[in-house]
Amino acid sequence: MMKKIGILSSHNGSGYVTIDKACKSGALNAEVVLVISNNSKANVLKTAQQRGTKTEVINNNLFPNENLDEKITQLLVEYKCDYIFLSGYMKKIEPKLISTFENKIINSHPALLPNYGGKGMYGRNVHDAVIAAGEKESGVTIHFVNEEYDKGEFILQNTLKIEEGCSVEELENNIKALESTSIVEALQKLI
């Protein structure tokens, strides 16, 4: 049976595009049924609309007196999502969503956890820290989301070697390429 995937994203949603392409090509027996953003100007909203995916914006400006966690959870339940993927979602996942979708919320982290994880460790910050520490390898960790940043159970980790003199930009680009294949690989394992 085809699985349904919901996406939470705050900006570009490159993970969404990766997953949607894999679904449409048949690499994943799934479909992305909904993209939710907390940012009404997020590029992912335009991209999703162009790709034929339903979008919703949920934030304090639009729903000032409502429980956003409850609202997001209700939508994902209404769309019968089997899994939720965080594609650069810059808000902490709240308890209601975590308990409703236990071990169904998936995040991709651009380093080998447990190192270089936690609050503030996202995007370029991670790669800066990895290069500054003189690491010989980095990678991608795809994991379930729980109450603590980057502490959920690992689904998979893929590594890559860091060449001598590698810049932060080069590392970031190499990790992004590895992340695309890792996201699909992790979902194939689950689905």
N, C-alpha and C. Protein backbone atom coordinates (compact mmCIF):
# COMPACT_ATOMS: atom_id res chain seq x y z
N MET A 1 0.84 -1.20 0.00
CA MET A 1 0.00 0.00 0.00
C MET A 1 0.88 1.25 0.00
N MET A 2 0.51 2.23 -0.80
CA MET A 2 1.30 3.45 -0.91
C MET A 2 1.24 4.25 0.39
N LYS A 3 2.43 4.64 0.88
CA LYS A 3 2.51 5.44 2.10
C LYS A 3 2.33 6.91 1.78
N LYS A 4 1.85 7.65 2.78
CA LYS A 4 1.65 9.09 2.63
C LYS A 4 2.66 9.83 3.50
N ILE A 5 3.30 10.82 2.89
CA ILE A 5 4.35 11.58 3.58
C ILE A 5 3.94 13.04 3.67
N GLY A 6 4.08 13.60 4.87
CA GLY A 6 3.88 15.03 5.09
C GLY A 6 5.25 15.67 5.29
N ILE A 7 5.40 16.91 4.87
CA ILE A 7 6.67 17.62 4.98
C ILE A 7 6.47 18.87 5.83
N LEU A 8 7.39 19.12 6.74
CA LEU A 8 7.44 20.39 7.48
C LEU A 8 8.71 21.09 7.02
N SER A 9 8.58 22.34 6.54
CA SER A 9 9.73 23.05 6.00
C SER A 9 9.60 24.54 6.25
N SER A 10 10.73 25.20 6.51
CA SER A 10 10.71 26.64 6.77
C SER A 10 11.28 27.47 5.63
N HIS A 11 12.04 26.85 4.72
CA HIS A 11 12.71 27.64 3.69
C HIS A 11 12.57 27.02 2.30
N ASN A 12 13.67 26.44 1.78
CA ASN A 12 13.68 25.95 0.40
C ASN A 12 13.09 24.56 0.21
N GLY A 13 13.25 23.70 1.21
CA GLY A 13 12.66 22.37 1.13
C GLY A 13 13.31 21.45 0.10
N SER A 14 14.64 21.47 0.03
CA SER A 14 15.31 20.59 -0.93
C SER A 14 15.03 19.11 -0.64
N GLY A 15 14.85 18.77 0.64
CA GLY A 15 14.49 17.40 1.01
C GLY A 15 13.13 17.02 0.46
N TYR A 16 12.21 17.97 0.45
CA TYR A 16 10.88 17.74 -0.14
C TYR A 16 11.01 17.36 -1.61
N VAL A 17 11.81 18.14 -2.35
CA VAL A 17 11.97 17.90 -3.79
C VAL A 17 12.58 16.51 -4.02
N THR A 18 13.59 16.17 -3.22
CA THR A 18 14.23 14.85 -3.32
C THR A 18 13.21 13.74 -3.13
N ILE A 19 12.39 13.86 -2.08
CA ILE A 19 11.39 12.83 -1.76
C ILE A 19 10.31 12.77 -2.83
N ASP A 20 9.83 13.95 -3.26
CA ASP A 20 8.77 13.99 -4.27
C ASP A 20 9.24 13.36 -5.59
N LYS A 21 10.48 13.67 -5.98
CA LYS A 21 11.04 13.06 -7.21
C LYS A 21 11.12 11.54 -7.07
N ALA A 22 11.58 11.07 -5.90
CA ALA A 22 11.70 9.62 -5.67
C ALA A 22 10.33 8.95 -5.71
N CYS A 23 9.31 9.63 -5.18
CA CYS A 23 7.94 9.09 -5.21
C CYS A 23 7.43 9.02 -6.65
N LYS A 24 7.61 10.11 -7.39
CA LYS A 24 7.09 10.18 -8.76
C LYS A 24 7.83 9.26 -9.72
N SER A 25 9.10 8.94 -9.41
CA SER A 25 9.87 8.05 -10.29
C SER A 25 9.62 6.57 -9.96
N GLY A 26 8.96 6.34 -8.80
CA GLY A 26 8.70 4.96 -8.39
C GLY A 26 9.79 4.38 -7.49
N ALA A 27 10.82 5.18 -7.18
CA ALA A 27 11.87 4.72 -6.26
C ALA A 27 11.31 4.52 -4.85
N LEU A 28 10.26 5.27 -4.52
CA LEU A 28 9.57 5.11 -3.23
C LEU A 28 8.10 4.82 -3.51
N ASN A 29 7.56 3.81 -2.82
CA ASN A 29 6.14 3.50 -2.94
C ASN A 29 5.37 4.41 -1.97
N ALA A 30 5.36 5.70 -2.33
CA ALA A 30 4.78 6.71 -1.44
C ALA A 30 4.41 7.94 -2.26
N GLU A 31 3.69 8.86 -1.60
CA GLU A 31 3.44 10.16 -2.21
C GLU A 31 3.50 11.22 -1.13
N VAL A 32 3.97 12.40 -1.52
CA VAL A 32 3.96 13.53 -0.61
C VAL A 32 2.59 14.17 -0.73
N VAL A 33 1.83 14.16 0.36
CA VAL A 33 0.44 14.63 0.30
C VAL A 33 0.26 16.05 0.83
N LEU A 34 1.26 16.56 1.57
CA LEU A 34 1.09 17.87 2.20
C LEU A 34 2.45 18.46 2.58
N VAL A 35 2.61 19.78 2.31
CA VAL A 35 3.77 20.53 2.79
C VAL A 35 3.24 21.62 3.72
N ILE A 36 3.74 21.64 4.95
CA ILE A 36 3.36 22.68 5.92
C ILE A 36 4.59 23.53 6.20
N SER A 37 4.41 24.85 6.16
CA SER A 37 5.50 25.76 6.50
C SER A 37 5.04 26.74 7.56
N ASN A 38 6.00 27.18 8.39
CA ASN A 38 5.72 28.22 9.37
C ASN A 38 6.07 29.60 8.79
N ASN A 39 6.58 29.61 7.54
CA ASN A 39 7.06 30.82 6.91
C ASN A 39 6.27 31.05 5.62
N SER A 40 5.42 32.08 5.60
CA SER A 40 4.56 32.31 4.44
C SER A 40 5.34 32.69 3.18
N LYS A 41 6.62 33.06 3.33
CA LYS A 41 7.44 33.43 2.17
C LYS A 41 8.41 32.31 1.76
N ALA A 42 8.26 31.13 2.35
CA ALA A 42 9.19 30.02 2.06
C ALA A 42 9.08 29.59 0.60
N ASN A 43 10.24 29.39 -0.04
CA ASN A 43 10.28 28.93 -1.44
C ASN A 43 9.61 27.57 -1.60
N VAL A 44 9.65 26.75 -0.54
CA VAL A 44 9.08 25.40 -0.63
C VAL A 44 7.59 25.46 -0.98
N LEU A 45 6.90 26.51 -0.58
CA LEU A 45 5.46 26.63 -0.86
C LEU A 45 5.21 26.75 -2.37
N LYS A 46 6.01 27.62 -3.02
CA LYS A 46 5.88 27.78 -4.49
C LYS A 46 6.26 26.49 -5.19
N THR A 47 7.38 25.90 -4.76
CA THR A 47 7.86 24.66 -5.37
C THR A 47 6.80 23.57 -5.27
N ALA A 48 6.23 23.42 -4.07
CA ALA A 48 5.22 22.37 -3.85
C ALA A 48 3.98 22.61 -4.72
N GLN A 49 3.55 23.86 -4.80
CA GLN A 49 2.38 24.17 -5.63
C GLN A 49 2.66 23.84 -7.10
N GLN A 50 3.87 24.17 -7.57
CA GLN A 50 4.24 23.85 -8.96
C GLN A 50 4.28 22.34 -9.19
N ARG A 51 4.64 21.58 -8.14
CA ARG A 51 4.76 20.13 -8.26
C ARG A 51 3.43 19.42 -7.93
N GLY A 52 2.39 20.21 -7.63
CA GLY A 52 1.07 19.63 -7.40
C GLY A 52 0.83 19.09 -6.00
N THR A 53 1.60 19.59 -5.03
CA THR A 53 1.42 19.15 -3.64
C THR A 53 0.67 20.22 -2.87
N LYS A 54 -0.30 19.80 -2.07
CA LYS A 54 -1.10 20.71 -1.23
C LYS A 54 -0.18 21.38 -0.20
N THR A 55 -0.40 22.69 0.05
CA THR A 55 0.42 23.42 1.02
C THR A 55 -0.45 24.12 2.06
N GLU A 56 0.13 24.31 3.23
CA GLU A 56 -0.52 25.05 4.31
C GLU A 56 0.55 25.88 5.02
N VAL A 57 0.17 27.07 5.47
CA VAL A 57 1.05 27.89 6.30
C VAL A 57 0.41 27.97 7.68
N ILE A 58 1.20 27.61 8.69
CA ILE A 58 0.71 27.67 10.07
C ILE A 58 1.75 28.40 10.91
N ASN A 59 1.37 29.58 11.38
CA ASN A 59 2.26 30.35 12.26
C ASN A 59 1.43 31.27 13.16
N ASN A 60 2.12 31.95 14.07
CA ASN A 60 1.43 32.81 15.04
C ASN A 60 0.75 34.02 14.40
N ASN A 61 1.27 34.49 13.27
CA ASN A 61 0.64 35.63 12.59
C ASN A 61 -0.75 35.26 12.07
N LEU A 62 -0.86 34.07 11.50
CA LEU A 62 -2.14 33.64 10.93
C LEU A 62 -3.10 33.10 11.99
N PHE A 63 -2.54 32.47 13.02
CA PHE A 63 -3.36 31.84 14.07
C PHE A 63 -2.86 32.30 15.45
N PRO A 64 -3.06 33.59 15.77
CA PRO A 64 -2.45 34.16 16.98
C PRO A 64 -2.88 33.52 18.30
N ASN A 65 -4.11 33.04 18.38
CA ASN A 65 -4.59 32.52 19.67
C ASN A 65 -4.81 31.02 19.66
N GLU A 66 -4.15 30.33 18.72
CA GLU A 66 -4.38 28.88 18.61
C GLU A 66 -3.12 28.10 18.95
N ASN A 67 -3.33 26.86 19.35
CA ASN A 67 -2.21 25.96 19.63
C ASN A 67 -1.71 25.43 18.29
N LEU A 68 -0.54 25.91 17.87
CA LEU A 68 -0.01 25.55 16.55
C LEU A 68 0.35 24.07 16.47
N ASP A 69 0.86 23.53 17.57
CA ASP A 69 1.21 22.10 17.63
C ASP A 69 -0.04 21.26 17.33
N GLU A 70 -1.13 21.63 17.98
CA GLU A 70 -2.41 20.93 17.80
C GLU A 70 -2.88 21.04 16.34
N LYS A 71 -2.77 22.23 15.79
CA LYS A 71 -3.22 22.51 14.43
C LYS A 71 -2.41 21.69 13.40
N ILE A 72 -1.09 21.68 13.56
CA ILE A 72 -0.21 20.93 12.65
C ILE A 72 -0.51 19.43 12.78
N THR A 73 -0.63 18.95 14.01
CA THR A 73 -0.93 17.53 14.24
C THR A 73 -2.25 17.13 13.58
N GLN A 74 -3.29 17.96 13.77
CA GLN A 74 -4.61 17.68 13.18
C GLN A 74 -4.53 17.56 11.66
N LEU A 75 -3.80 18.48 11.04
CA LEU A 75 -3.67 18.46 9.57
C LEU A 75 -2.99 17.18 9.09
N LEU A 76 -1.91 16.81 9.75
CA LEU A 76 -1.16 15.61 9.35
C LEU A 76 -2.00 14.34 9.56
N VAL A 77 -2.82 14.33 10.60
CA VAL A 77 -3.73 13.20 10.85
C VAL A 77 -4.82 13.20 9.76
N GLU A 78 -5.38 14.38 9.49
CA GLU A 78 -6.43 14.52 8.48
C GLU A 78 -5.95 14.01 7.11
N TYR A 79 -4.69 14.27 6.77
CA TYR A 79 -4.13 13.82 5.50
C TYR A 79 -3.60 12.38 5.57
N LYS A 80 -3.83 11.73 6.73
CA LYS A 80 -3.45 10.32 6.93
C LYS A 80 -1.97 10.05 6.64
N CYS A 81 -1.11 10.95 7.13
CA CYS A 81 0.33 10.80 6.89
C CYS A 81 0.89 9.62 7.67
N ASP A 82 1.65 8.80 6.98
CA ASP A 82 2.34 7.68 7.63
C ASP A 82 3.67 8.15 8.21
N TYR A 83 4.31 9.07 7.51
CA TYR A 83 5.60 9.62 7.94
C TYR A 83 5.60 11.12 7.73
N ILE A 84 6.39 11.81 8.56
CA ILE A 84 6.59 13.24 8.42
C ILE A 84 8.09 13.46 8.27
N PHE A 85 8.47 14.23 7.25
CA PHE A 85 9.89 14.53 7.04
C PHE A 85 10.12 16.01 7.29
N LEU A 86 11.16 16.32 8.09
CA LEU A 86 11.52 17.70 8.36
C LEU A 86 12.55 18.14 7.33
N SER A 87 12.15 19.05 6.46
CA SER A 87 13.04 19.53 5.40
C SER A 87 13.45 20.97 5.74
N GLY A 88 14.45 21.09 6.61
CA GLY A 88 14.88 22.42 7.04
C GLY A 88 13.79 23.14 7.82
N TYR A 89 13.17 22.41 8.75
CA TYR A 89 12.11 23.01 9.57
C TYR A 89 12.77 23.62 10.80
N MET A 90 12.64 24.95 10.96
CA MET A 90 13.40 25.67 11.96
C MET A 90 12.64 25.90 13.27
N LYS A 91 11.69 25.04 13.58
CA LYS A 91 11.00 25.15 14.86
C LYS A 91 11.10 23.81 15.58
N LYS A 92 11.13 23.90 16.91
CA LYS A 92 11.18 22.67 17.70
C LYS A 92 9.86 21.92 17.54
N ILE A 93 9.96 20.62 17.40
CA ILE A 93 8.75 19.80 17.27
C ILE A 93 8.14 19.63 18.66
N GLU A 94 6.88 19.94 18.75
CA GLU A 94 6.20 19.97 20.05
C GLU A 94 5.70 18.57 20.46
N PRO A 95 5.41 18.40 21.78
CA PRO A 95 5.04 17.09 22.33
C PRO A 95 3.85 16.39 21.68
N LYS A 96 2.79 17.15 21.35
CA LYS A 96 1.58 16.54 20.77
C LYS A 96 1.92 15.85 19.44
N LEU A 97 2.68 16.53 18.62
CA LEU A 97 3.07 15.98 17.32
C LEU A 97 3.95 14.75 17.51
N ILE A 98 4.90 14.84 18.44
CA ILE A 98 5.80 13.71 18.70
C ILE A 98 5.03 12.49 19.21
N SER A 99 4.09 12.69 20.13
CA SER A 99 3.37 11.54 20.69
C SER A 99 2.38 10.95 19.67
N THR A 100 1.79 11.79 18.82
CA THR A 100 0.85 11.30 17.81
C THR A 100 1.58 10.51 16.72
N PHE A 101 2.78 10.96 16.37
CA PHE A 101 3.55 10.33 15.29
C PHE A 101 4.87 9.77 15.82
N GLU A 102 4.79 8.98 16.89
CA GLU A 102 6.00 8.42 17.50
C GLU A 102 6.74 7.53 16.50
N ASN A 103 8.05 7.79 16.37
CA ASN A 103 8.91 7.07 15.41
C ASN A 103 8.36 7.13 13.98
N LYS A 104 7.74 8.25 13.64
CA LYS A 104 7.23 8.49 12.28
C LYS A 104 7.72 9.84 11.76
N ILE A 105 8.37 10.63 12.63
CA ILE A 105 8.90 11.94 12.22
C ILE A 105 10.39 11.77 11.98
N ILE A 106 10.82 12.17 10.77
CA ILE A 106 12.18 11.89 10.33
C ILE A 106 12.92 13.19 10.04
N ASN A 107 14.16 13.25 10.46
CA ASN A 107 15.00 14.41 10.20
C ASN A 107 16.31 13.95 9.57
N SER A 108 16.88 14.81 8.77
CA SER A 108 18.20 14.57 8.20
C SER A 108 19.15 15.59 8.81
N HIS A 109 20.25 15.10 9.37
CA HIS A 109 21.25 15.99 9.98
C HIS A 109 22.54 15.92 9.17
N PRO A 110 23.14 17.07 8.82
CA PRO A 110 24.30 17.08 7.92
C PRO A 110 25.63 16.81 8.62
N ALA A 111 25.65 15.85 9.52
CA ALA A 111 26.89 15.42 10.20
C ALA A 111 26.63 14.06 10.82
N LEU A 112 27.69 13.49 11.35
CA LEU A 112 27.58 12.18 11.99
C LEU A 112 27.25 12.38 13.47
N LEU A 113 25.97 12.30 13.78
CA LEU A 113 25.56 12.41 15.19
C LEU A 113 26.14 11.23 15.97
N PRO A 114 26.40 11.33 17.25
CA PRO A 114 25.98 12.41 18.14
C PRO A 114 26.84 13.68 18.07
N ASN A 115 27.94 13.68 17.31
CA ASN A 115 28.77 14.89 17.19
C ASN A 115 28.07 15.94 16.33
N TYR A 116 28.31 17.19 16.66
CA TYR A 116 27.83 18.33 15.86
C TYR A 116 26.31 18.37 15.75
N GLY A 117 25.65 18.03 16.83
CA GLY A 117 24.20 18.11 16.88
C GLY A 117 23.77 19.05 17.99
N GLY A 118 22.48 19.22 18.12
CA GLY A 118 21.93 20.05 19.20
C GLY A 118 21.49 21.42 18.71
N LYS A 119 21.06 22.24 19.65
CA LYS A 119 20.52 23.56 19.34
C LYS A 119 21.54 24.41 18.58
N GLY A 120 21.09 25.04 17.52
CA GLY A 120 21.96 25.92 16.73
C GLY A 120 22.83 25.19 15.71
N MET A 121 22.82 23.86 15.77
CA MET A 121 23.64 23.08 14.84
C MET A 121 22.83 22.68 13.61
N TYR A 122 22.83 23.56 12.62
CA TYR A 122 22.15 23.29 11.35
C TYR A 122 22.93 23.99 10.24
N GLY A 123 22.76 23.48 9.03
CA GLY A 123 23.36 24.12 7.85
C GLY A 123 24.83 24.41 7.98
N ARG A 124 25.21 25.60 7.57
CA ARG A 124 26.61 26.03 7.53
C ARG A 124 27.29 25.92 8.90
N ASN A 125 26.55 26.16 9.98
CA ASN A 125 27.13 26.08 11.33
C ASN A 125 27.78 24.71 11.57
N VAL A 126 27.12 23.67 11.10
CA VAL A 126 27.62 22.30 11.29
C VAL A 126 28.93 22.12 10.53
N HIS A 127 28.93 22.53 9.27
CA HIS A 127 30.12 22.33 8.43
C HIS A 127 31.30 23.16 8.92
N ASP A 128 31.03 24.39 9.40
CA ASP A 128 32.08 25.23 10.00
C ASP A 128 32.73 24.49 11.17
N ALA A 129 31.89 23.92 12.03
CA ALA A 129 32.39 23.22 13.23
C ALA A 129 33.20 21.98 12.85
N VAL A 130 32.74 21.23 11.85
CA VAL A 130 33.43 20.01 11.41
C VAL A 130 34.82 20.36 10.86
N ILE A 131 34.89 21.39 10.00
CA ILE A 131 36.17 21.81 9.41
C ILE A 131 37.09 22.38 10.50
N ALA A 132 36.54 23.21 11.38
CA ALA A 132 37.33 23.82 12.46
C ALA A 132 37.95 22.76 13.37
N ALA A 133 37.25 21.63 13.54
CA ALA A 133 37.74 20.55 14.41
C ALA A 133 38.78 19.66 13.70
N GLY A 134 38.98 19.89 12.40
CA GLY A 134 39.95 19.10 11.65
C GLY A 134 39.53 17.66 11.43
N GLU A 135 38.22 17.42 11.35
CA GLU A 135 37.73 16.06 11.15
C GLU A 135 38.19 15.50 9.80
N LYS A 136 38.38 14.19 9.76
CA LYS A 136 38.81 13.50 8.52
C LYS A 136 37.59 12.96 7.75
N GLU A 137 36.45 12.88 8.44
CA GLU A 137 35.22 12.47 7.75
C GLU A 137 34.01 13.16 8.37
N SER A 138 32.98 13.23 7.57
CA SER A 138 31.69 13.74 8.04
C SER A 138 30.64 12.87 7.36
N GLY A 139 29.41 13.34 7.34
CA GLY A 139 28.38 12.51 6.71
C GLY A 139 27.00 13.02 7.01
N VAL A 140 26.06 12.11 6.89
CA VAL A 140 24.65 12.42 7.07
C VAL A 140 24.05 11.40 8.03
N THR A 141 23.25 11.89 8.95
CA THR A 141 22.50 11.00 9.85
C THR A 141 21.01 11.23 9.61
N ILE A 142 20.31 10.18 9.24
CA ILE A 142 18.85 10.26 9.12
C ILE A 142 18.31 9.59 10.38
N HIS A 143 17.49 10.34 11.13
CA HIS A 143 17.03 9.83 12.43
C HIS A 143 15.59 10.21 12.71
N PHE A 144 15.00 9.46 13.66
CA PHE A 144 13.67 9.80 14.14
C PHE A 144 13.79 11.00 15.07
N VAL A 145 12.72 11.77 15.18
CA VAL A 145 12.71 12.96 16.02
C VAL A 145 12.03 12.62 17.34
N ASN A 146 12.66 13.05 18.44
CA ASN A 146 12.02 12.95 19.75
C ASN A 146 12.07 14.32 20.42
N GLU A 147 11.89 14.37 21.73
CA GLU A 147 11.80 15.65 22.45
C GLU A 147 13.10 16.43 22.45
N GLU A 148 14.24 15.77 22.25
CA GLU A 148 15.54 16.46 22.32
C GLU A 148 16.12 16.62 20.92
N TYR A 149 16.70 17.80 20.66
CA TYR A 149 17.33 18.05 19.36
C TYR A 149 18.34 16.96 19.02
N ASP A 150 18.18 16.34 17.87
CA ASP A 150 19.17 15.40 17.31
C ASP A 150 19.48 14.20 18.19
N LYS A 151 18.52 13.78 19.03
CA LYS A 151 18.77 12.65 19.93
C LYS A 151 17.94 11.41 19.59
N GLY A 152 17.12 11.50 18.54
CA GLY A 152 16.26 10.36 18.19
C GLY A 152 17.05 9.19 17.61
N GLU A 153 16.43 8.02 17.62
CA GLU A 153 17.06 6.80 17.12
C GLU A 153 17.47 6.95 15.65
N PHE A 154 18.68 6.49 15.33
CA PHE A 154 19.20 6.57 13.96
C PHE A 154 18.47 5.59 13.05
N ILE A 155 18.17 6.02 11.84
CA ILE A 155 17.67 5.13 10.80
C ILE A 155 18.86 4.67 9.96
N LEU A 156 19.73 5.63 9.61
CA LEU A 156 20.98 5.28 8.95
C LEU A 156 21.97 6.42 9.01
N GLN A 157 23.25 6.08 8.84
CA GLN A 157 24.32 7.07 8.72
C GLN A 157 25.16 6.70 7.50
N ASN A 158 25.47 7.70 6.69
CA ASN A 158 26.38 7.52 5.56
C ASN A 158 27.54 8.51 5.73
N THR A 159 28.75 8.04 5.48
CA THR A 159 29.92 8.89 5.70
C THR A 159 30.61 9.25 4.39
N LEU A 160 31.39 10.33 4.46
CA LEU A 160 32.27 10.68 3.36
C LEU A 160 33.57 11.21 3.93
N LYS A 161 34.66 10.99 3.18
CA LYS A 161 35.97 11.47 3.61
C LYS A 161 36.08 12.96 3.31
N ILE A 162 36.78 13.66 4.21
CA ILE A 162 37.04 15.08 3.99
C ILE A 162 38.48 15.19 3.49
N GLU A 163 38.63 15.65 2.27
CA GLU A 163 39.97 15.80 1.67
C GLU A 163 40.72 16.93 2.34
N GLU A 164 42.05 16.80 2.36
CA GLU A 164 42.94 17.85 2.89
C GLU A 164 42.61 19.18 2.20
N GLY A 165 42.46 20.25 2.98
CA GLY A 165 42.22 21.58 2.40
C GLY A 165 40.79 21.81 1.92
N CYS A 166 39.89 20.92 2.26
CA CYS A 166 38.48 21.05 1.87
C CYS A 166 37.88 22.31 2.52
N SER A 167 37.20 23.13 1.71
CA SER A 167 36.57 24.34 2.26
C SER A 167 35.19 23.98 2.85
N VAL A 168 34.66 24.91 3.61
CA VAL A 168 33.32 24.73 4.19
C VAL A 168 32.30 24.57 3.06
N GLU A 169 32.44 25.38 2.00
CA GLU A 169 31.52 25.31 0.86
C GLU A 169 31.57 23.94 0.18
N GLU A 170 32.79 23.44 -0.04
CA GLU A 170 32.95 22.13 -0.68
C GLU A 170 32.30 21.04 0.18
N LEU A 171 32.57 21.10 1.49
CA LEU A 171 31.99 20.11 2.39
C LEU A 171 30.47 20.19 2.34
N GLU A 172 29.94 21.41 2.39
CA GLU A 172 28.49 21.59 2.36
C GLU A 172 27.89 20.99 1.08
N ASN A 173 28.50 21.25 -0.07
CA ASN A 173 28.01 20.70 -1.34
C ASN A 173 28.09 19.18 -1.38
N ASN A 174 29.20 18.62 -0.87
CA ASN A 174 29.36 17.16 -0.84
C ASN A 174 28.31 16.51 0.07
N ILE A 175 28.06 17.16 1.21
CA ILE A 175 27.07 16.63 2.16
C ILE A 175 25.67 16.70 1.55
N LYS A 176 25.36 17.81 0.86
CA LYS A 176 24.03 17.95 0.23
C LYS A 176 23.78 16.82 -0.77
N ALA A 177 24.79 16.49 -1.56
CA ALA A 177 24.65 15.40 -2.54
C ALA A 177 24.42 14.07 -1.82
N LEU A 178 25.20 13.82 -0.76
CA LEU A 178 25.07 12.58 0.02
C LEU A 178 23.70 12.55 0.72
N GLU A 179 23.24 13.71 1.16
CA GLU A 179 21.96 13.79 1.87
C GLU A 179 20.80 13.35 0.97
N SER A 180 20.82 13.77 -0.29
CA SER A 180 19.74 13.38 -1.22
C SER A 180 19.60 11.87 -1.32
N THR A 181 20.72 11.18 -1.54
CA THR A 181 20.64 9.72 -1.68
C THR A 181 20.31 9.07 -0.34
N SER A 182 20.81 9.65 0.75
CA SER A 182 20.57 9.07 2.08
C SER A 182 19.10 9.17 2.50
N ILE A 183 18.45 10.28 2.17
CA ILE A 183 17.03 10.47 2.50
C ILE A 183 16.19 9.37 1.83
N VAL A 184 16.45 9.17 0.54
CA VAL A 184 15.69 8.17 -0.21
C VAL A 184 15.99 6.77 0.34
N GLU A 185 17.26 6.50 0.61
CA GLU A 185 17.66 5.19 1.15
C GLU A 185 16.97 4.92 2.50
N ALA A 186 16.92 5.92 3.36
CA ALA A 186 16.28 5.76 4.68
C ALA A 186 14.79 5.49 4.52
N LEU A 187 14.13 6.23 3.64
CA LEU A 187 12.70 6.01 3.44
C LEU A 187 12.41 4.67 2.80
N GLN A 188 13.30 4.22 1.91
CA GLN A 188 13.13 2.88 1.33
C GLN A 188 13.19 1.82 2.42
N LYS A 189 14.09 2.02 3.39
CA LYS A 189 14.19 1.07 4.53
C LYS A 189 12.88 1.01 5.31
N LEU A 190 12.27 2.18 5.52
CA LEU A 190 11.06 2.26 6.34
C LEU A 190 9.82 1.80 5.58
N ILE A 191 9.76 2.14 4.31
CA ILE A 191 8.56 1.87 3.51
C ILE A 191 8.65 0.47 2.93
